[in-house]
């Protein structure tokens, strides 16, 4: 079983900034349904980063 450790404020802030940047890029550069695909990809990447950083091997 994998233990969880605390996500530091710095890492949480970094994930938040990356999420915001991804959302801005998706909204400004993509059109139509591609915007939603961009949002979904950003969400999966941020979730993956959160899960990887929040695990203790």
Protein backbone atom coordinates (compact mmCIF):
# COMPACT_ATOMS: atom_id res chain seq x y z
CA UNK A 1 0.00 0.00 0.00
CA UNK A 2 1.28 3.46 -0.89
CA UNK A 3 1.47 6.12 1.80
CA UNK A 4 0.62 9.72 1.06
CA UNK A 5 2.77 12.65 2.05
CA UNK A 6 1.79 16.30 2.21
CA UNK A 7 1.80 18.31 -0.98
CA UNK A 8 3.88 21.40 -0.23
CA UNK A 9 2.50 24.86 -0.86
CA UNK A 10 5.13 25.44 -3.53
CA UNK A 11 4.17 22.32 -5.48
CA UNK A 12 0.47 23.11 -5.09
CA UNK A 13 1.09 26.64 -6.38
CA UNK A 14 3.08 25.25 -9.32
CA UNK A 15 0.24 22.88 -10.24
CA UNK A 16 -2.23 25.76 -10.01
CA UNK A 17 -0.09 28.00 -12.24
CA UNK A 18 0.41 25.21 -14.80
CA UNK A 19 -3.33 24.57 -14.79
CA UNK A 20 -4.09 28.24 -15.37
CA UNK A 21 -1.52 28.50 -18.17
CA UNK A 22 -2.91 25.41 -19.86
CA UNK A 23 -6.44 26.79 -19.62
CA UNK A 24 -5.40 30.16 -21.08
CA UNK A 25 -3.52 28.51 -23.95
CA UNK A 26 -6.45 26.20 -24.66
CA UNK A 27 -8.94 29.06 -24.65
CA UNK A 28 -6.88 31.39 -26.83
CA UNK A 29 -5.23 29.03 -29.30
CA UNK A 30 -7.85 26.35 -29.85
CA UNK A 31 -11.30 26.62 -31.42
CA UNK A 32 -14.54 24.65 -31.22
CA UNK A 33 -14.46 21.31 -29.46
CA UNK A 34 -10.65 21.41 -29.34
CA UNK A 35 -10.94 23.86 -26.43
CA UNK A 36 -12.67 21.22 -24.32
CA UNK A 37 -10.11 18.61 -25.35
CA UNK A 38 -7.35 21.00 -24.27
CA UNK A 39 -9.06 21.53 -20.90
CA UNK A 40 -9.37 17.77 -20.44
CA UNK A 41 -5.72 17.17 -21.28
CA UNK A 42 -4.61 19.90 -18.87
CA UNK A 43 -6.82 18.39 -16.16
CA UNK A 44 -5.36 14.92 -16.65
CA UNK A 45 -1.79 16.24 -16.58
CA UNK A 46 -2.40 18.28 -13.42
CA UNK A 47 -4.11 15.33 -11.73
CA UNK A 48 -1.21 13.06 -12.73
CA UNK A 49 1.29 15.56 -11.34
CA UNK A 50 -0.66 15.82 -8.11
CA UNK A 51 -0.85 12.06 -7.69
CA UNK A 52 2.84 11.54 -8.48
CA UNK A 53 4.02 14.28 -6.15
CA UNK A 54 1.65 13.24 -3.38
CA UNK A 55 2.91 9.63 -3.25
CA UNK A 56 5.63 8.33 -1.04
CA UNK A 57 7.43 5.34 -2.53
